[in-house]
Amino acid sequence: MIVNNLMLKLKDRNHMDKYLSHPVHLEVAQFVAGVLDTQASVCYETK
């Protein structure tokens, strides 16, 4: 089993929305989805 992690800390929800819709992110996400058996993501906000 190989486990890789990516953690991002973004300023606010607006920045997350921009990140998730960015063309490069979408391209990488499509590639990753094609090579992984499974993946998971968790988004949360702190106050």
C-alpha atoms as a PDB file:
ATOM      1  CA  MET A   1       0.000   0.000   0.000  1.00  0.00           C
ATOM      2  CA  ILE A   2       1.264   3.440  -0.904  1.00  0.00           C
ATOM      3  CA  VAL A   3      -0.279   6.401   0.858  1.00  0.00           C
ATOM      4  CA  ASN A   4       0.290   9.951  -0.310  1.00  0.00           C
ATOM      5  CA  ASN A   5      -1.137  13.003   1.376  1.00  0.00           C
ATOM      6  CA  LEU A   6      -1.835  16.529   0.251  1.00  0.00           C
ATOM      7  CA  MET A   7      -2.980  19.094   2.764  1.00  0.00           C
ATOM      8  CA  LEU A   8      -3.917  22.659   1.944  1.00  0.00           C
ATOM      9  CA  LYS A   9      -4.680  25.489   4.311  1.00  0.00           C
ATOM     10  CA  LEU A  10      -6.541  28.215   2.470  1.00  0.00           C
ATOM     11  CA  LYS A  11      -7.476  31.678   3.703  1.00  0.00           C
ATOM     12  CA  ASP A  12     -11.223  31.276   3.275  1.00  0.00           C
ATOM     13  CA  ARG A  13     -13.993  29.504   1.364  1.00  0.00           C
ATOM     14  CA  ASN A  14     -13.614  31.867  -1.590  1.00  0.00           C
ATOM     15  CA  HIS A  15      -9.989  30.776  -2.017  1.00  0.00           C
ATOM     16  CA  MET A  16     -11.029  27.119  -1.845  1.00  0.00           C
ATOM     17  CA  ASP A  17     -13.652  27.659  -4.541  1.00  0.00           C
ATOM     18  CA  LYS A  18     -11.063  29.324  -6.785  1.00  0.00           C
ATOM     19  CA  TYR A  19      -8.592  26.484  -6.163  1.00  0.00           C
ATOM     20  CA  LEU A  20     -11.147  23.768  -6.910  1.00  0.00           C
ATOM     21  CA  SER A  21     -12.240  25.391 -10.165  1.00  0.00           C
ATOM     22  CA  HIS A  22      -8.756  26.331 -11.405  1.00  0.00           C
ATOM     23  CA  PRO A  23      -7.988  24.728 -14.803  1.00  0.00           C
ATOM     24  CA  VAL A  24      -4.671  23.246 -13.641  1.00  0.00           C
ATOM     25  CA  HIS A  25      -6.312  21.720 -10.558  1.00  0.00           C
ATOM     26  CA  LEU A  26      -9.025  20.184 -12.734  1.00  0.00           C
ATOM     27  CA  GLU A  27      -6.422  18.731 -15.095  1.00  0.00           C
ATOM     28  CA  VAL A  28      -4.396  17.217 -12.251  1.00  0.00           C
ATOM     29  CA  ALA A  29      -7.535  15.895 -10.551  1.00  0.00           C
ATOM     30  CA  GLN A  30      -8.548  14.132 -13.764  1.00  0.00           C
ATOM     31  CA  PHE A  31      -5.106  12.534 -14.052  1.00  0.00           C
ATOM     32  CA  VAL A  32      -5.069  11.454 -10.403  1.00  0.00           C
ATOM     33  CA  ALA A  33      -8.542   9.927 -10.717  1.00  0.00           C
ATOM     34  CA  GLY A  34      -7.252   7.821 -13.611  1.00  0.00           C
ATOM     35  CA  VAL A  35      -4.306   6.334 -11.712  1.00  0.00           C
ATOM     36  CA  LEU A  36      -5.730   5.780  -8.224  1.00  0.00           C
ATOM     37  CA  ASP A  37      -7.845   2.874  -7.086  1.00  0.00           C
ATOM     38  CA  THR A  38      -9.457   4.986  -4.370  1.00  0.00           C
ATOM     39  CA  GLN A  39      -9.286   8.513  -3.081  1.00  0.00           C
ATOM     40  CA  ALA A  40     -10.885  10.575  -0.353  1.00  0.00           C
ATOM     41  CA  SER A  41     -11.085  14.226   0.528  1.00  0.00           C
ATOM     42  CA  VAL A  42     -12.216  16.167   3.568  1.00  0.00           C
ATOM     43  CA  CYS A  43     -13.006  19.872   3.647  1.00  0.00           C
ATOM     44  CA  TYR A  44     -13.676  21.734   6.854  1.00  0.00           C
ATOM     45  CA  GLU A  45     -13.721  25.271   8.213  1.00  0.00           C
ATOM     46  CA  THR A  46     -12.434  26.520  11.533  1.00  0.00           C
ATOM     47  CA  LYS A  47     -13.419  29.686  13.321  1.00  0.00           C
END
